[in-house]
Amino acid sequence: MKKIGAILTATVLALGVSAIPAQPADAAPAKFANCKMLNQTYKGGVAVNAKVRNKGGKTRFAPTVNAAVYNTHKGLDRDKDGIACER
């Protein structure tokens, strides 16, 4: 009876450990080399927060709000309006 309990406990622990995602939620965002590559994933660009507005005029797509991705690609925000690679 103790063997069955030990096997059952080991199985549950093994399944529990394998259910943990490989990448944690706070992992560093992907690094894109330029706006063309970033826009393949984020069609309208990336905004630092939902309150920023585009200074460059009308855009075709709404930007994705993601502060971590924006901060990684802050250099791609040429007009410094809080939206990187807007289209």
PDB file of N, CA and C in Angstrom:
ATOM      1  N   MET A   1       0.815  -1.183   0.000  1.00  0.00           N
ATOM      2  CA  MET A   1       0.000   0.000   0.000  1.00  0.00           C
ATOM      3  C   MET A   1       0.871   1.265   0.000  1.00  0.00           C
ATOM      4  N   LYS A   2       1.999   1.222   0.724  1.00  0.00           N
ATOM      5  CA  LYS A   2       2.886   2.378   0.767  1.00  0.00           C
ATOM      6  C   LYS A   2       3.522   2.618  -0.604  1.00  0.00           C
ATOM      7  N   LYS A   3       3.800   1.529  -1.347  1.00  0.00           N
ATOM      8  CA  LYS A   3       4.393   1.683  -2.683  1.00  0.00           C
ATOM      9  C   LYS A   3       3.418   2.393  -3.616  1.00  0.00           C
ATOM     10  N   ILE A   4       2.155   2.035  -3.560  1.00  0.00           N
ATOM     11  CA  ILE A   4       1.160   2.666  -4.430  1.00  0.00           C
ATOM     12  C   ILE A   4       1.041   4.149  -4.089  1.00  0.00           C
ATOM     13  N   GLY A   5       1.036   4.459  -2.799  1.00  0.00           N
ATOM     14  CA  GLY A   5       0.963   5.861  -2.371  1.00  0.00           C
ATOM     15  C   GLY A   5       2.175   6.646  -2.845  1.00  0.00           C
ATOM     16  N   ALA A   6       3.360   6.043  -2.752  1.00  0.00           N
ATOM     17  CA  ALA A   6       4.583   6.718  -3.188  1.00  0.00           C
ATOM     18  C   ALA A   6       4.579   6.929  -4.698  1.00  0.00           C
ATOM     19  N   ILE A   7       4.134   5.940  -5.443  1.00  0.00           N
ATOM     20  CA  ILE A   7       4.072   6.049  -6.908  1.00  0.00           C
ATOM     21  C   ILE A   7       3.054   7.106  -7.308  1.00  0.00           C
ATOM     22  N   LEU A   8       1.909   7.104  -6.653  1.00  0.00           N
ATOM     23  CA  LEU A   8       0.867   8.082  -6.944  1.00  0.00           C
ATOM     24  C   LEU A   8       1.358   9.501  -6.633  1.00  0.00           C
ATOM     25  N   THR A   9       2.019   9.678  -5.519  1.00  0.00           N
ATOM     26  CA  THR A   9       2.563  10.986  -5.152  1.00  0.00           C
ATOM     27  C   THR A   9       3.617  11.447  -6.155  1.00  0.00           C
ATOM     28  N   ALA A  10       4.504  10.555  -6.561  1.00  0.00           N
ATOM     29  CA  ALA A  10       5.543  10.902  -7.529  1.00  0.00           C
ATOM     30  C   ALA A  10       4.924  11.287  -8.878  1.00  0.00           C
ATOM     31  N   THR A  11       3.880  10.566  -9.272  1.00  0.00           N
ATOM     32  CA  THR A  11       3.214  10.857 -10.546  1.00  0.00           C
ATOM     33  C   THR A  11       2.552  12.223 -10.505  1.00  0.00           C
ATOM     34  N   VAL A  12       1.861  12.517  -9.429  1.00  0.00           N
ATOM     35  CA  VAL A  12       1.196  13.811  -9.294  1.00  0.00           C
ATOM     36  C   VAL A  12       2.221  14.937  -9.299  1.00  0.00           C
ATOM     37  N   LEU A  13       3.316  14.762  -8.599  1.00  0.00           N
ATOM     38  CA  LEU A  13       4.361  15.789  -8.578  1.00  0.00           C
ATOM     39  C   LEU A  13       4.985  15.979  -9.956  1.00  0.00           C
ATOM     40  N   ALA A  14       5.219  14.881 -10.654  1.00  0.00           N
ATOM     41  CA  ALA A  14       5.810  14.972 -11.994  1.00  0.00           C
ATOM     42  C   ALA A  14       4.865  15.691 -12.958  1.00  0.00           C
ATOM     43  N   LEU A  15       3.586  15.395 -12.885  1.00  0.00           N
ATOM     44  CA  LEU A  15       2.621  16.063 -13.754  1.00  0.00           C
ATOM     45  C   LEU A  15       2.472  17.535 -13.368  1.00  0.00           C
ATOM     46  N   GLY A  16       2.528  17.823 -12.103  1.00  0.00           N
ATOM     47  CA  GLY A  16       2.427  19.211 -11.646  1.00  0.00           C
ATOM     48  C   GLY A  16       3.594  20.047 -12.107  1.00  0.00           C
ATOM     49  N   VAL A  17       4.783  19.495 -12.079  1.00  0.00           N
ATOM     50  CA  VAL A  17       5.972  20.222 -12.516  1.00  0.00           C
ATOM     51  C   VAL A  17       5.950  20.440 -14.024  1.00  0.00           C
ATOM     52  N   SER A  18       5.457  19.473 -14.783  1.00  0.00           N
ATOM     53  CA  SER A  18       5.432  19.613 -16.241  1.00  0.00           C
ATOM     54  C   SER A  18       4.351  20.595 -16.687  1.00  0.00           C
ATOM     55  N   ALA A  19       3.402  20.936 -15.819  1.00  0.00           N
ATOM     56  CA  ALA A  19       2.352  21.882 -16.178  1.00  0.00           C
ATOM     57  C   ALA A  19       2.819  23.329 -16.072  1.00  0.00           C
ATOM     58  N   ILE A  20       3.970  23.572 -15.479  1.00  0.00           N
ATOM     59  CA  ILE A  20       4.507  24.920 -15.357  1.00  0.00           C
ATOM     60  C   ILE A  20       4.992  25.365 -16.730  1.00  0.00           C
ATOM     61  N   PRO A  21       4.588  26.577 -17.187  1.00  0.00           N
ATOM     62  CA  PRO A  21       5.013  27.021 -18.514  1.00  0.00           C
ATOM     63  C   PRO A  21       6.531  27.190 -18.601  1.00  0.00           C
ATOM     64  N   ALA A  22       7.051  26.961 -19.802  1.00  0.00           N
ATOM     65  CA  ALA A  22       8.492  27.035 -20.025  1.00  0.00           C
ATOM     66  C   ALA A  22       9.006  28.463 -19.896  1.00  0.00           C
ATOM     67  N   GLN A  23       8.212  29.462 -20.347  1.00  0.00           N
ATOM     68  CA  GLN A  23       8.609  30.856 -20.239  1.00  0.00           C
ATOM     69  C   GLN A  23       7.757  31.535 -19.192  1.00  0.00           C
ATOM     70  N   PRO A  24       8.352  32.172 -18.220  1.00  0.00           N
ATOM     71  CA  PRO A  24       7.555  32.900 -17.242  1.00  0.00           C
ATOM     72  C   PRO A  24       6.889  34.114 -17.881  1.00  0.00           C
ATOM     73  N   ALA A  25       5.810  34.590 -17.288  1.00  0.00           N
ATOM     74  CA  ALA A  25       5.052  35.707 -17.850  1.00  0.00           C
ATOM     75  C   ALA A  25       5.872  36.994 -17.875  1.00  0.00           C
ATOM     76  N   ASP A  26       6.836  37.118 -16.969  1.00  0.00           N
ATOM     77  CA  ASP A  26       7.633  38.334 -16.928  1.00  0.00           C
ATOM     78  C   ASP A  26       8.950  38.204 -17.698  1.00  0.00           C
ATOM     79  N   ALA A  27       8.996  37.291 -18.669  1.00  0.00           N
ATOM     80  CA  ALA A  27      10.199  37.118 -19.481  1.00  0.00           C
ATOM     81  C   ALA A  27      10.402  38.360 -20.350  1.00  0.00           C
ATOM     82  N   ALA A  28      11.626  38.612 -20.732  1.00  0.00           N
ATOM     83  CA  ALA A  28      11.946  39.770 -21.556  1.00  0.00           C
ATOM     84  C   ALA A  28      11.257  39.654 -22.915  1.00  0.00           C
ATOM     85  N   PRO A  29      10.711  40.770 -23.421  1.00  0.00           N
ATOM     86  CA  PRO A  29      10.046  40.720 -24.722  1.00  0.00           C
ATOM     87  C   PRO A  29      11.054  40.502 -25.842  1.00  0.00           C
ATOM     88  N   ALA A  30      10.543  40.030 -26.973  1.00  0.00           N
ATOM     89  CA  ALA A  30      11.392  39.787 -28.136  1.00  0.00           C
ATOM     90  C   ALA A  30      11.989  41.107 -28.613  1.00  0.00           C
ATOM     91  N   LYS A  31      13.180  41.047 -29.150  1.00  0.00           N
ATOM     92  CA  LYS A  31      13.861  42.242 -29.660  1.00  0.00           C
ATOM     93  C   LYS A  31      13.779  42.229 -31.183  1.00  0.00           C
ATOM     94  N   PHE A  32      13.212  43.296 -31.745  1.00  0.00           N
ATOM     95  CA  PHE A  32      13.099  43.428 -33.191  1.00  0.00           C
ATOM     96  C   PHE A  32      14.159  44.405 -33.680  1.00  0.00           C
ATOM     97  N   ALA A  33      14.746  44.114 -34.817  1.00  0.00           N
ATOM     98  CA  ALA A  33      15.839  44.929 -35.345  1.00  0.00           C
ATOM     99  C   ALA A  33      15.352  46.250 -35.938  1.00  0.00           C
ATOM    100  N   ASN A  34      14.129  46.262 -36.476  1.00  0.00           N
ATOM    101  CA  ASN A  34      13.614  47.470 -37.113  1.00  0.00           C
ATOM    102  C   ASN A  34      12.085  47.465 -37.088  1.00  0.00           C
ATOM    103  N   CYS A  35      11.486  48.545 -37.565  1.00  0.00           N
ATOM    104  CA  CYS A  35      10.025  48.669 -37.540  1.00  0.00           C
ATOM    105  C   CYS A  35       9.336  47.647 -38.445  1.00  0.00           C
ATOM    106  N   LYS A  36       9.949  47.308 -39.542  1.00  0.00           N
ATOM    107  CA  LYS A  36       9.337  46.334 -40.447  1.00  0.00           C
ATOM    108  C   LYS A  36       9.138  44.995 -39.733  1.00  0.00           C
ATOM    109  N   MET A  37      10.137  44.576 -38.976  1.00  0.00           N
ATOM    110  CA  MET A  37      10.033  43.316 -38.237  1.00  0.00           C
ATOM    111  C   MET A  37       9.032  43.437 -37.089  1.00  0.00           C
ATOM    112  N   LEU A  38       9.028  44.567 -36.379  1.00  0.00           N
ATOM    113  CA  LEU A  38       8.092  44.773 -35.285  1.00  0.00           C
ATOM    114  C   LEU A  38       6.657  44.784 -35.789  1.00  0.00           C
ATOM    115  N   ASN A  39       6.434  45.422 -36.953  1.00  0.00           N
ATOM    116  CA  ASN A  39       5.081  45.503 -37.503  1.00  0.00           C
ATOM    117  C   ASN A  39       4.550  44.169 -38.016  1.00  0.00           C
ATOM    118  N   GLN A  40       5.393  43.191 -38.222  1.00  0.00           N
ATOM    119  CA  GLN A  40       4.905  41.866 -38.583  1.00  0.00           C
ATOM    120  C   GLN A  40       4.171  41.229 -37.403  1.00  0.00           C
ATOM    121  N   THR A  41       4.579  41.553 -36.187  1.00  0.00           N
ATOM    122  CA  THR A  41       3.942  41.024 -34.986  1.00  0.00           C
ATOM    123  C   THR A  41       2.898  41.991 -34.437  1.00  0.00           C
ATOM    124  N   TYR A  42       3.246  43.279 -34.393  1.00  0.00           N
ATOM    125  CA  TYR A  42       2.362  44.316 -33.866  1.00  0.00           C
ATOM    126  C   TYR A  42       2.013  45.258 -35.016  1.00  0.00           C
ATOM    127  N   LYS A  43       0.905  44.987 -35.706  1.00  0.00           N
ATOM    128  CA  LYS A  43       0.558  45.654 -36.956  1.00  0.00           C
ATOM    129  C   LYS A  43       0.512  47.185 -36.846  1.00  0.00           C
ATOM    130  N   GLY A  44      -0.016  47.706 -35.752  1.00  0.00           N
ATOM    131  CA  GLY A  44      -0.133  49.150 -35.596  1.00  0.00           C
ATOM    132  C   GLY A  44       0.967  49.774 -34.771  1.00  0.00           C
ATOM    133  N   GLY A  45       1.996  49.019 -34.448  1.00  0.00           N
ATOM    134  CA  GLY A  45       3.063  49.508 -33.595  1.00  0.00           C
ATOM    135  C   GLY A  45       2.785  49.164 -32.138  1.00  0.00           C
ATOM    136  N   VAL A  46       3.584  49.732 -31.237  1.00  0.00           N
ATOM    137  CA  VAL A  46       3.466  49.440 -29.811  1.00  0.00           C
ATOM    138  C   VAL A  46       3.435  50.745 -29.042  1.00  0.00           C
ATOM    139  N   ALA A  47       2.409  50.913 -28.191  1.00  0.00           N
ATOM    140  CA  ALA A  47       2.276  52.113 -27.377  1.00  0.00           C
ATOM    141  C   ALA A  47       2.701  51.827 -25.949  1.00  0.00           C
ATOM    142  N   VAL A  48       3.236  52.850 -25.280  1.00  0.00           N
ATOM    143  CA  VAL A  48       3.689  52.697 -23.901  1.00  0.00           C
ATOM    144  C   VAL A  48       2.492  52.582 -22.950  1.00  0.00           C
ATOM    145  N   ASN A  49       1.385  53.276 -23.244  1.00  0.00           N
ATOM    146  CA  ASN A  49       0.149  53.133 -22.468  1.00  0.00           C
ATOM    147  C   ASN A  49      -1.039  53.538 -23.338  1.00  0.00           C
ATOM    148  N   ALA A  50      -2.234  53.360 -22.813  1.00  0.00           N
ATOM    149  CA  ALA A  50      -3.444  53.604 -23.610  1.00  0.00           C
ATOM    150  C   ALA A  50      -3.762  55.091 -23.769  1.00  0.00           C
ATOM    151  N   LYS A  51      -3.115  55.951 -22.992  1.00  0.00           N
ATOM    152  CA  LYS A  51      -3.427  57.381 -23.027  1.00  0.00           C
ATOM    153  C   LYS A  51      -2.672  58.147 -24.109  1.00  0.00           C
ATOM    154  N   VAL A  52      -1.617  57.587 -24.674  1.00  0.00           N
ATOM    155  CA  VAL A  52      -0.821  58.314 -25.670  1.00  0.00           C
ATOM    156  C   VAL A  52      -1.576  58.426 -26.989  1.00  0.00           C
ATOM    157  N   ARG A  53      -1.316  59.502 -27.696  1.00  0.00           N
ATOM    158  CA  ARG A  53      -1.939  59.743 -28.998  1.00  0.00           C
ATOM    159  C   ARG A  53      -0.848  59.980 -30.032  1.00  0.00           C
ATOM    160  N   ASN A  54      -1.110  59.583 -31.256  1.00  0.00           N
ATOM    161  CA  ASN A  54      -0.157  59.727 -32.346  1.00  0.00           C
ATOM    162  C   ASN A  54      -0.035  61.197 -32.742  1.00  0.00           C
ATOM    163  N   LYS A  55       1.177  61.701 -32.795  1.00  0.00           N
ATOM    164  CA  LYS A  55       1.422  63.090 -33.197  1.00  0.00           C
ATOM    165  C   LYS A  55       1.572  63.222 -34.701  1.00  0.00           C
ATOM    166  N   GLY A  56       1.802  62.125 -35.390  1.00  0.00           N
ATOM    167  CA  GLY A  56       2.112  62.176 -36.816  1.00  0.00           C
ATOM    168  C   GLY A  56       0.920  62.157 -37.739  1.00  0.00           C
ATOM    169  N   GLY A  57      -0.289  62.204 -37.242  1.00  0.00           N
ATOM    170  CA  GLY A  57      -1.455  62.177 -38.112  1.00  0.00           C
ATOM    171  C   GLY A  57      -2.201  60.856 -38.014  1.00  0.00           C
ATOM    172  N   LYS A  58      -3.080  60.632 -38.977  1.00  0.00           N
ATOM    173  CA  LYS A  58      -3.942  59.455 -38.971  1.00  0.00           C
ATOM    174  C   LYS A  58      -3.137  58.193 -39.304  1.00  0.00           C
ATOM    175  N   THR A  59      -3.452  57.101 -38.593  1.00  0.00           N
ATOM    176  CA  THR A  59      -2.812  55.813 -38.851  1.00  0.00           C
ATOM    177  C   THR A  59      -3.863  54.807 -39.300  1.00  0.00           C
ATOM    178  N   ARG A  60      -3.432  53.763 -39.978  1.00  0.00           N
ATOM    179  CA  ARG A  60      -4.361  52.739 -40.459  1.00  0.00           C
ATOM    180  C   ARG A  60      -4.733  51.740 -39.378  1.00  0.00           C
ATOM    181  N   PHE A  61      -3.823  51.469 -38.444  1.00  0.00           N
ATOM    182  CA  PHE A  61      -4.044  50.443 -37.428  1.00  0.00           C
ATOM    183  C   PHE A  61      -3.847  51.025 -36.033  1.00  0.00           C
ATOM    184  N   ALA A  62      -4.593  50.498 -35.079  1.00  0.00           N
ATOM    185  CA  ALA A  62      -4.432  50.920 -33.686  1.00  0.00           C
ATOM    186  C   ALA A  62      -3.204  50.227 -33.095  1.00  0.00           C
ATOM    187  N   PRO A  63      -2.419  50.941 -32.304  1.00  0.00           N
ATOM    188  CA  PRO A  63      -1.237  50.314 -31.710  1.00  0.00           C
ATOM    189  C   PRO A  63      -1.604  49.367 -30.576  1.00  0.00           C
ATOM    190  N   THR A  64      -0.755  48.386 -30.342  1.00  0.00           N
ATOM    191  CA  THR A  64      -0.896  47.480 -29.214  1.00  0.00           C
ATOM    192  C   THR A  64      -0.266  48.144 -27.998  1.00  0.00           C
ATOM    193  N   VAL A  65      -0.982  48.143 -26.877  1.00  0.00           N
ATOM    194  CA  VAL A  65      -0.453  48.743 -25.657  1.00  0.00           C
ATOM    195  C   VAL A  65       0.342  47.687 -24.895  1.00  0.00           C
ATOM    196  N   ASN A  66       1.658  47.904 -24.793  1.00  0.00           N
ATOM    197  CA  ASN A  66       2.537  46.979 -24.086  1.00  0.00           C
ATOM    198  C   ASN A  66       3.796  47.748 -23.688  1.00  0.00           C
ATOM    199  N   ALA A  67       3.853  48.150 -22.417  1.00  0.00           N
ATOM    200  CA  ALA A  67       4.956  48.982 -21.940  1.00  0.00           C
ATOM    201  C   ALA A  67       6.304  48.276 -22.034  1.00  0.00           C
ATOM    202  N   ALA A  68       6.344  46.975 -21.765  1.00  0.00           N
ATOM    203  CA  ALA A  68       7.614  46.243 -21.812  1.00  0.00           C
ATOM    204  C   ALA A  68       8.188  46.217 -23.227  1.00  0.00           C
ATOM    205  N   VAL A  69       7.348  45.944 -24.214  1.00  0.00           N
ATOM    206  CA  VAL A  69       7.820  45.911 -25.604  1.00  0.00           C
ATOM    207  C   VAL A  69       8.205  47.324 -26.044  1.00  0.00           C
ATOM    208  N   TYR A  70       7.403  48.323 -25.674  1.00  0.00           N
ATOM    209  CA  TYR A  70       7.741  49.709 -26.042  1.00  0.00           C
ATOM    210  C   TYR A  70       9.093  50.116 -25.459  1.00  0.00           C
ATOM    211  N   ASN A  71       9.305  49.836 -24.178  1.00  0.00           N
ATOM    212  CA  ASN A  71      10.562  50.233 -23.540  1.00  0.00           C
ATOM    213  C   ASN A  71      11.763  49.546 -24.165  1.00  0.00           C
ATOM    214  N   THR A  72      11.591  48.320 -24.652  1.00  0.00           N
ATOM    215  CA  THR A  72      12.669  47.621 -25.342  1.00  0.00           C
ATOM    216  C   THR A  72      12.978  48.271 -26.696  1.00  0.00           C
ATOM    217  N   HIS A  73      11.963  48.864 -27.331  1.00  0.00           N
ATOM    218  CA  HIS A  73      12.105  49.431 -28.673  1.00  0.00           C
ATOM    219  C   HIS A  73      11.907  50.942 -28.694  1.00  0.00           C
ATOM    220  N   LYS A  74      12.213  51.608 -27.608  1.00  0.00           N
ATOM    221  CA  LYS A  74      12.031  53.057 -27.492  1.00  0.00           C
ATOM    222  C   LYS A  74      12.805  53.804 -28.583  1.00  0.00           C
ATOM    223  N   GLY A  75      13.910  53.264 -29.019  1.00  0.00           N
ATOM    224  CA  GLY A  75      14.707  53.889 -30.079  1.00  0.00           C
ATOM    225  C   GLY A  75      14.005  53.913 -31.424  1.00  0.00           C
ATOM    226  N   LEU A  76      12.986  53.080 -31.614  1.00  0.00           N
ATOM    227  CA  LEU A  76      12.242  53.050 -32.874  1.00  0.00           C
ATOM    228  C   LEU A  76      11.101  54.070 -32.895  1.00  0.00           C
ATOM    229  N   ASP A  77      10.884  54.784 -31.796  1.00  0.00           N
ATOM    230  CA  ASP A  77       9.861  55.826 -31.714  1.00  0.00           C
ATOM    231  C   ASP A  77      10.499  57.137 -32.157  1.00  0.00           C
ATOM    232  N   ARG A  78      10.499  57.397 -33.455  1.00  0.00           N
ATOM    233  CA  ARG A  78      11.221  58.542 -34.010  1.00  0.00           C
ATOM    234  C   ARG A  78      10.635  59.890 -33.610  1.00  0.00           C
ATOM    235  N   ASP A  79       9.295  59.986 -33.498  1.00  0.00           N
ATOM    236  CA  ASP A  79       8.684  61.270 -33.159  1.00  0.00           C
ATOM    237  C   ASP A  79       8.446  61.439 -31.658  1.00  0.00           C
ATOM    238  N   LYS A  80       8.888  60.473 -30.857  1.00  0.00           N
ATOM    239  CA  LYS A  80       8.841  60.534 -29.387  1.00  0.00           C
ATOM    240  C   LYS A  80       7.433  60.822 -28.854  1.00  0.00           C
ATOM    241  N   ASP A  81       6.416  60.180 -29.463  1.00  0.00           N
ATOM    242  CA  ASP A  81       5.045  60.389 -29.002  1.00  0.00           C
ATOM    243  C   ASP A  81       4.527  59.260 -28.116  1.00  0.00           C
ATOM    244  N   GLY A  82       5.368  58.275 -27.809  1.00  0.00           N
ATOM    245  CA  GLY A  82       4.945  57.164 -26.958  1.00  0.00           C
ATOM    246  C   GLY A  82       4.451  55.965 -27.733  1.00  0.00           C
ATOM    247  N   ILE A  83       4.553  56.017 -29.066  1.00  0.00           N
ATOM    248  CA  ILE A  83       4.161  54.887 -29.917  1.00  0.00           C
ATOM    249  C   ILE A  83       5.323  54.579 -30.852  1.00  0.00           C
ATOM    250  N   ALA A  84       5.853  53.364 -30.749  1.00  0.00           N
ATOM    251  CA  ALA A  84       6.956  52.946 -31.606  1.00  0.00           C
ATOM    252  C   ALA A  84       6.412  52.269 -32.852  1.00  0.00           C
ATOM    253  N   CYS A  85       6.891  52.662 -33.997  1.00  0.00           N
ATOM    254  CA  CYS A  85       6.572  52.024 -35.289  1.00  0.00           C
ATOM    255  C   CYS A  85       5.098  52.076 -35.649  1.00  0.00           C
ATOM    256  N   GLU A  86       4.428  53.202 -35.366  1.00  0.00           N
ATOM    257  CA  GLU A  86       3.011  53.315 -35.719  1.00  0.00           C
ATOM    258  C   GLU A  86       2.823  53.307 -37.224  1.00  0.00           C
ATOM    259  N   ARG A  87       1.710  52.708 -37.662  1.00  0.00           N
ATOM    260  CA  ARG A  87       1.364  52.634 -39.090  1.00  0.00           C
ATOM    261  C   ARG A  87      -0.080  53.016 -39.267  1.00  0.00           C
TER     262      ARG A  87
END
